[in-house]
Amino acid sequence: MYASFKSIGAYIPDEIRTNQWFVDKLDTTDEWIVKRTGIKERRIASEDENTSDLGVKAAEVAIERANIDRSDIDLIVCATLSPDFMSMPSTACLISEKLGIKDVMAFDISAACTGFVYALSVAKAFVESGMKKNVLIVGAEKTSNVMDYEDRTVCMLFGDGAGAAIISATENKDEAIVDVQCSSDGNLKEILYIPGAGSGEEMYMHMKGNETFKIAVKTLTSDVKKIMEKNNYTNEDIDLFVPHQANYRIIKAVGDALKFKDEQKVLTVEKYGNTSSASIPMAMNECFENGRMKKGQTILLDAFGGGATWGSALIKFNG
């Protein structure tokens, strides 16, 4: 039994927050933000939209495109750093309830920006073991809830959104997810973190930008090389390279180091900013909707996040 990447879906909040919003509030300029990050705008969820609501809307699209009934789903995994509740219930349980899916296993993953790749790894393992047949994985973030909008080192980088996918069982190896590899290093915990629940600075994200940049570029590049070599893939075998959309400078540095062509690289950071665990599925969804990502193509995913965590995946898109 193999695990197949059956569908992709996303939800993009309505509010567009341009760089001018930050220029009006902080000591910065549009030119500086674009030069340092590549970001021109990001989406912000409304006050009455929770992370689970974003995830549900993305999940509904993925379920419809997979051409399965909600009752066919037997596991829900949600990756998020901005859950509805701090510890319980899980956002996955809330998504399950709002989708009307009862009596199935549901839990959250805390792997920050690598969350979707971690969730993909978990789904693959459950399907290949024969324990589950149709797994809904969701990367959903309302990062605006954990932003200090007076901290110019981090607040202008992030946006809100959600992406989702259905991972289903198949006996056809040609439709299978090729490989997923994930790792972590807790010694790097202080480069990107949220101290804890409460008020004031404790509830906001903190980041050491320069350190994060250097470590991310080195780690992402190395991780891609490992998964490509392990599976005997070359650059020519990759149709689309979808990196975590954190910062244009990071994506460019990694893409250049790996020698991917422009037509292989996927970039959405300009429009959505860093949406953490949602960024990769949102980018994949955009490629699918504009016809760039098609059934049978080989897609390479790559992410780095707080923890520190990182991961890569080689998939055959079967949507």
Protein backbone atom coordinates (compact mmCIF):
# COMPACT_ATOMS: atom_id res chain seq x y z
CA MET A 1 0.00 0.00 0.00
CA TYR A 2 1.28 3.47 -0.92
CA ALA A 3 0.31 7.02 0.04
CA SER A 4 -0.89 9.31 -2.75
CA PHE A 5 -1.09 13.11 -2.70
CA LYS A 6 -4.69 13.21 -3.89
CA SER A 7 -5.68 16.89 -3.77
CA ILE A 8 -4.79 20.41 -2.67
CA GLY A 9 -6.91 23.31 -1.44
CA ALA A 10 -6.45 26.67 0.24
CA TYR A 11 -8.26 29.58 1.80
CA ILE A 12 -7.01 33.16 1.40
CA PRO A 13 -8.51 35.77 3.79
CA ASP A 14 -10.07 38.84 2.18
CA GLU A 15 -8.15 41.68 3.86
CA ILE A 16 -5.00 42.74 2.00
CA ARG A 17 -2.48 44.47 4.23
CA THR A 18 0.08 46.30 2.12
CA ASN A 19 3.47 47.57 3.19
CA GLN A 20 1.98 51.05 3.52
CA TRP A 21 0.10 49.86 6.63
CA PHE A 22 3.47 49.25 8.31
CA VAL A 23 5.03 52.43 6.93
CA ASP A 24 2.25 54.42 8.63
CA LYS A 25 2.93 52.75 11.99
CA LEU A 26 6.65 51.93 12.10
CA ASP A 27 10.01 53.43 11.22
CA THR A 28 10.27 51.72 7.85
CA THR A 29 9.65 52.19 4.13
CA ASP A 30 8.08 50.13 1.39
CA GLU A 31 11.43 50.04 -0.40
CA TRP A 32 13.19 48.62 2.69
CA ILE A 33 10.57 45.91 3.26
CA VAL A 34 10.60 44.78 -0.38
CA LYS A 35 14.41 44.81 -0.57
CA ARG A 36 14.86 42.83 2.66
CA THR A 37 11.94 40.39 2.33
CA GLY A 38 10.39 40.53 -1.14
CA ILE A 39 6.99 41.00 0.51
CA LYS A 40 4.57 43.60 -0.85
CA GLU A 41 1.36 42.49 0.82
CA ARG A 42 -0.07 39.83 3.09
CA ARG A 43 -3.60 38.66 4.00
CA ILE A 44 -5.15 39.17 7.43
CA ALA A 45 -8.08 37.16 8.79
CA SER A 46 -11.08 39.00 10.20
CA GLU A 47 -11.64 39.23 13.94
CA ASP A 48 -14.38 36.60 13.85
CA GLU A 49 -12.25 34.11 11.88
CA ASN A 50 -10.28 31.63 13.97
CA THR A 51 -7.46 29.40 12.78
CA SER A 52 -9.87 26.45 12.67
CA ASP A 53 -12.24 28.45 10.43
CA LEU A 54 -9.44 29.08 7.95
CA GLY A 55 -8.52 25.41 8.05
CA VAL A 56 -12.10 24.28 7.46
CA LYS A 57 -12.46 26.44 4.35
CA ALA A 58 -9.21 25.07 2.90
CA ALA A 59 -10.22 21.52 3.82
CA GLU A 60 -13.58 21.82 2.09
CA VAL A 61 -11.81 22.64 -1.18
CA ALA A 62 -9.35 19.76 -0.81
CA ILE A 63 -12.11 17.26 0.02
CA GLU A 64 -14.21 18.30 -2.99
CA ARG A 65 -11.24 18.06 -5.34
CA ALA A 66 -10.32 14.62 -4.00
CA ASN A 67 -13.82 13.47 -4.96
CA ILE A 68 -14.41 11.72 -1.64
CA ASP A 69 -17.09 12.03 1.01
CA ARG A 70 -16.26 13.59 4.36
CA SER A 71 -17.20 10.27 5.92
CA ASP A 72 -14.29 8.67 4.04
CA ILE A 73 -11.75 10.67 6.08
CA ASP A 74 -10.34 8.63 8.95
CA LEU A 75 -7.60 10.94 10.28
CA ILE A 76 -7.20 14.72 10.56
CA VAL A 77 -3.82 16.31 11.28
CA CYS A 78 -3.49 20.08 11.67
CA ALA A 79 -0.17 21.90 11.71
CA THR A 80 -0.30 25.33 13.36
CA LEU A 81 1.61 27.70 15.63
CA SER A 82 -1.51 29.83 16.19
CA PRO A 83 -4.16 27.42 17.51
CA ASP A 84 -7.64 28.50 18.57
CA PHE A 85 -6.87 27.30 22.11
CA MET A 86 -3.44 27.31 23.70
CA SER A 87 -3.35 23.64 24.69
CA MET A 88 -6.74 21.97 24.28
CA PRO A 89 -8.90 21.22 22.43
CA SER A 90 -6.70 20.79 19.40
CA THR A 91 -7.43 22.82 16.29
CA ALA A 92 -7.74 19.51 14.42
CA CYS A 93 -10.61 18.49 16.71
CA LEU A 94 -12.34 21.81 16.02
CA ILE A 95 -11.86 21.35 12.27
CA SER A 96 -13.32 17.87 12.56
CA GLU A 97 -16.36 19.20 14.43
CA LYS A 98 -16.96 22.04 11.97
CA LEU A 99 -16.70 19.67 9.01
CA GLY A 100 -19.21 17.33 10.65
CA ILE A 101 -16.69 14.48 10.77
CA LYS A 102 -17.26 12.35 13.87
CA ASP A 103 -15.43 9.53 15.59
CA VAL A 104 -12.06 9.93 13.86
CA MET A 105 -8.55 10.48 15.18
CA ALA A 106 -7.58 14.18 15.13
CA PHE A 107 -4.55 15.98 16.53
CA ASP A 108 -2.27 18.99 16.05
CA ILE A 109 1.41 19.14 15.12
CA SER A 110 3.66 21.87 16.49
CA ALA A 111 6.52 22.25 14.05
CA ALA A 112 6.10 25.92 13.11
CA CYS A 113 6.83 26.63 9.43
CA THR A 114 7.77 23.00 8.76
CA GLY A 115 4.38 21.85 10.05
CA PHE A 116 2.84 20.88 6.71
CA VAL A 117 5.81 18.70 5.76
CA TYR A 118 5.67 17.07 9.21
CA ALA A 119 1.94 16.43 8.73
CA LEU A 120 2.64 14.94 5.31
CA SER A 121 5.18 12.59 6.88
CA VAL A 122 2.66 11.47 9.50
CA ALA A 123 -0.08 10.93 6.91
CA LYS A 124 2.25 8.91 4.70
CA ALA A 125 3.21 6.66 7.61
CA PHE A 126 -0.40 6.06 8.68
CA VAL A 127 -1.50 5.20 5.13
CA GLU A 128 1.47 2.98 4.31
CA SER A 129 1.00 1.06 7.57
CA GLY A 130 -2.57 0.27 6.55
CA MET A 131 -4.01 2.03 9.61
CA LYS A 132 -5.74 4.82 7.64
CA LYS A 133 -7.04 5.22 4.09
CA ASN A 134 -7.84 8.93 3.66
CA VAL A 135 -5.99 11.51 5.73
CA LEU A 136 -6.83 15.21 5.79
CA ILE A 137 -3.78 17.32 6.53
CA VAL A 138 -4.14 21.04 7.19
CA GLY A 139 -1.69 23.89 7.62
CA ALA A 140 -3.63 26.81 9.09
CA GLU A 141 -2.38 30.02 10.63
CA LYS A 142 -3.75 33.20 12.09
CA THR A 143 -0.30 34.58 12.80
CA SER A 144 -1.79 38.05 13.31
CA ASN A 145 -2.84 36.75 16.75
CA VAL A 146 0.79 36.27 17.80
CA MET A 147 2.30 39.41 16.25
CA ASP A 148 3.50 42.44 18.18
CA TYR A 149 2.78 45.14 15.62
CA GLU A 150 5.33 47.42 17.24
CA ASP A 151 8.16 44.92 16.66
CA ARG A 152 9.48 45.77 13.20
CA THR A 153 11.87 42.80 13.21
CA VAL A 154 9.08 40.28 12.71
CA CYS A 155 5.55 41.69 12.35
CA MET A 156 5.78 42.75 8.69
CA LEU A 157 6.89 39.27 7.62
CA PHE A 158 3.78 37.28 8.47
CA GLY A 159 0.25 36.83 7.15
CA ASP A 160 -2.78 34.60 7.65
CA GLY A 161 -4.16 31.75 5.56
CA ALA A 162 -4.65 28.01 5.29
CA GLY A 163 -3.92 25.10 2.98
CA ALA A 164 -5.08 21.50 3.04
CA ALA A 165 -4.53 18.21 1.24
CA ILE A 166 -5.97 14.71 1.10
CA ILE A 167 -3.48 11.85 1.33
CA SER A 168 -5.07 8.58 0.21
CA ALA A 169 -4.14 4.94 -0.09
CA THR A 170 -3.22 3.55 -3.51
CA GLU A 171 -1.77 0.32 -4.86
CA ASN A 172 -0.16 2.16 -7.77
CA LYS A 173 3.46 2.96 -6.96
CA ASP A 174 3.59 5.51 -9.79
CA GLU A 175 1.07 7.63 -7.84
CA ALA A 176 2.94 7.39 -4.56
CA ILE A 177 4.64 10.03 -2.46
CA VAL A 178 8.31 9.25 -3.09
CA ASP A 179 9.82 10.30 0.23
CA VAL A 180 9.47 12.66 3.18
CA GLN A 181 12.28 13.45 5.60
CA CYS A 182 12.00 15.64 8.70
CA SER A 183 14.38 16.62 11.47
CA SER A 184 14.95 19.09 14.30
CA ASP A 185 17.51 20.64 16.63
CA GLY A 186 16.30 22.00 19.96
CA ASN A 187 19.63 23.78 20.46
CA LEU A 188 18.32 26.37 17.99
CA LYS A 189 15.15 27.09 19.98
CA GLU A 190 16.00 30.73 20.67
CA ILE A 191 16.25 31.95 17.07
CA LEU A 192 12.46 31.84 16.60
CA TYR A 193 9.95 31.32 19.39
CA ILE A 194 6.80 32.37 21.24
CA PRO A 195 7.48 32.48 25.01
CA GLY A 196 4.07 31.29 26.18
CA ALA A 197 0.46 32.05 27.02
CA GLY A 198 -0.44 35.18 28.91
CA SER A 199 -0.26 38.86 28.14
CA GLY A 200 2.25 41.36 26.83
CA GLU A 201 5.41 40.09 25.16
CA GLU A 202 4.82 36.53 26.37
CA MET A 203 2.14 35.94 23.72
CA TYR A 204 4.11 37.34 20.77
CA MET A 205 6.58 35.82 18.33
CA HIS A 206 10.26 36.69 18.70
CA MET A 207 12.89 36.16 16.05
CA LYS A 208 16.63 36.66 15.62
CA GLY A 209 16.47 37.56 11.95
CA ASN A 210 20.10 37.36 10.86
CA GLU A 211 20.73 34.05 12.63
CA THR A 212 17.51 32.56 11.27
CA PHE A 213 18.41 33.62 7.73
CA LYS A 214 21.89 32.03 7.81
CA ILE A 215 20.79 28.77 9.42
CA ALA A 216 17.72 28.45 7.20
CA VAL A 217 19.68 28.85 3.95
CA LYS A 218 22.33 26.33 5.01
CA THR A 219 19.83 23.79 6.38
CA LEU A 220 17.33 24.00 3.52
CA THR A 221 20.05 23.58 0.89
CA SER A 222 21.59 20.61 2.68
CA ASP A 223 18.24 18.93 3.26
CA VAL A 224 17.24 19.08 -0.40
CA LYS A 225 20.58 17.63 -1.47
CA LYS A 226 20.11 14.73 0.95
CA ILE A 227 16.62 13.76 -0.19
CA MET A 228 17.55 14.12 -3.87
CA GLU A 229 20.68 11.97 -3.51
CA LYS A 230 18.88 9.39 -1.38
CA ASN A 231 16.23 8.87 -4.07
CA ASN A 232 18.54 9.27 -7.09
CA TYR A 233 16.81 12.42 -8.34
CA THR A 234 18.44 15.26 -10.27
CA ASN A 235 17.23 18.81 -10.88
CA GLU A 236 15.90 17.74 -14.27
CA ASP A 237 13.51 15.31 -12.56
CA ILE A 238 11.78 18.12 -10.64
CA ASP A 239 8.84 19.89 -12.25
CA LEU A 240 8.23 22.35 -9.39
CA PHE A 241 10.31 23.36 -6.39
CA VAL A 242 7.99 24.68 -3.67
CA PRO A 243 10.00 26.07 -0.74
CA HIS A 244 8.49 27.52 2.42
CA GLN A 245 7.59 31.12 1.57
CA ALA A 246 9.43 32.90 4.38
CA ASN A 247 11.53 35.52 2.67
CA TYR A 248 12.49 36.10 -0.96
CA ARG A 249 16.18 36.39 -0.07
CA ILE A 250 16.14 32.95 1.59
CA ILE A 251 14.27 31.38 -1.33
CA LYS A 252 16.65 32.94 -3.87
CA ALA A 253 19.75 31.89 -1.95
CA VAL A 254 18.53 28.30 -1.64
CA GLY A 255 17.29 28.14 -5.24
CA ASP A 256 20.59 29.49 -6.56
CA ALA A 257 22.63 27.11 -4.42
CA LEU A 258 20.60 24.18 -5.73
CA LYS A 259 20.74 25.50 -9.31
CA PHE A 260 17.01 25.32 -9.98
CA LYS A 261 15.72 27.22 -13.01
CA ASP A 262 13.27 30.09 -12.57
CA GLU A 263 10.50 28.09 -14.25
CA GLN A 264 10.92 25.40 -11.57
CA LYS A 265 10.71 27.74 -8.58
CA VAL A 266 7.40 28.67 -6.98
CA LEU A 267 7.13 32.13 -5.37
CA THR A 268 4.09 33.52 -3.57
CA VAL A 269 5.79 35.37 -0.71
CA GLU A 270 5.27 38.70 -2.49
CA LYS A 271 1.47 38.40 -2.14
CA TYR A 272 1.00 36.46 1.08
CA GLY A 273 4.10 36.93 3.21
CA ASN A 274 5.12 34.13 5.56
CA THR A 275 2.05 32.09 6.47
CA SER A 276 4.07 29.51 8.40
CA SER A 277 2.62 25.99 8.08
CA ALA A 278 0.12 27.24 5.49
CA SER A 279 2.69 28.65 3.06
CA ILE A 280 3.59 25.48 1.15
CA PRO A 281 0.03 24.24 0.58
CA MET A 282 -1.10 27.77 -0.31
CA ALA A 283 1.70 27.99 -2.88
CA MET A 284 0.84 24.55 -4.25
CA ASN A 285 -2.82 25.51 -4.50
CA GLU A 286 -1.97 28.63 -6.49
CA CYS A 287 0.07 26.53 -8.91
CA PHE A 288 -2.82 24.08 -9.26
CA GLU A 289 -5.41 26.78 -9.87
CA ASN A 290 -3.35 28.56 -12.51
CA GLY A 291 -2.58 25.30 -14.31
CA ARG A 292 1.10 25.22 -13.43
CA MET A 293 0.85 22.09 -11.23
CA LYS A 294 -0.62 19.07 -13.01
CA LYS A 295 -1.30 15.42 -12.34
CA GLY A 296 1.78 13.23 -12.61
CA GLN A 297 4.29 15.99 -11.99
CA THR A 298 7.13 15.61 -9.49
CA ILE A 299 7.04 18.27 -6.78
CA LEU A 300 9.82 19.04 -4.30
CA LEU A 301 8.87 20.66 -0.97
CA ASP A 302 11.32 22.22 1.48
CA ALA A 303 10.73 24.02 4.80
CA PHE A 304 12.49 25.39 7.87
CA GLY A 305 10.82 26.60 11.06
CA GLY A 306 11.11 27.39 14.73
CA GLY A 307 12.18 24.57 16.98
CA ALA A 308 14.33 24.47 14.96
CA THR A 309 12.58 22.09 12.57
CA TRP A 310 13.09 21.34 8.92
CA GLY A 311 11.89 18.91 6.29
CA SER A 312 11.72 18.04 2.61
CA ALA A 313 9.38 15.94 0.50
CA LEU A 314 9.38 14.45 -2.99
CA ILE A 315 5.85 13.82 -4.21
CA LYS A 316 4.05 12.77 -7.35
CA PHE A 317 1.02 15.02 -7.55
CA ASN A 318 -2.02 12.83 -8.14
CA GLY A 319 -4.72 15.51 -8.13
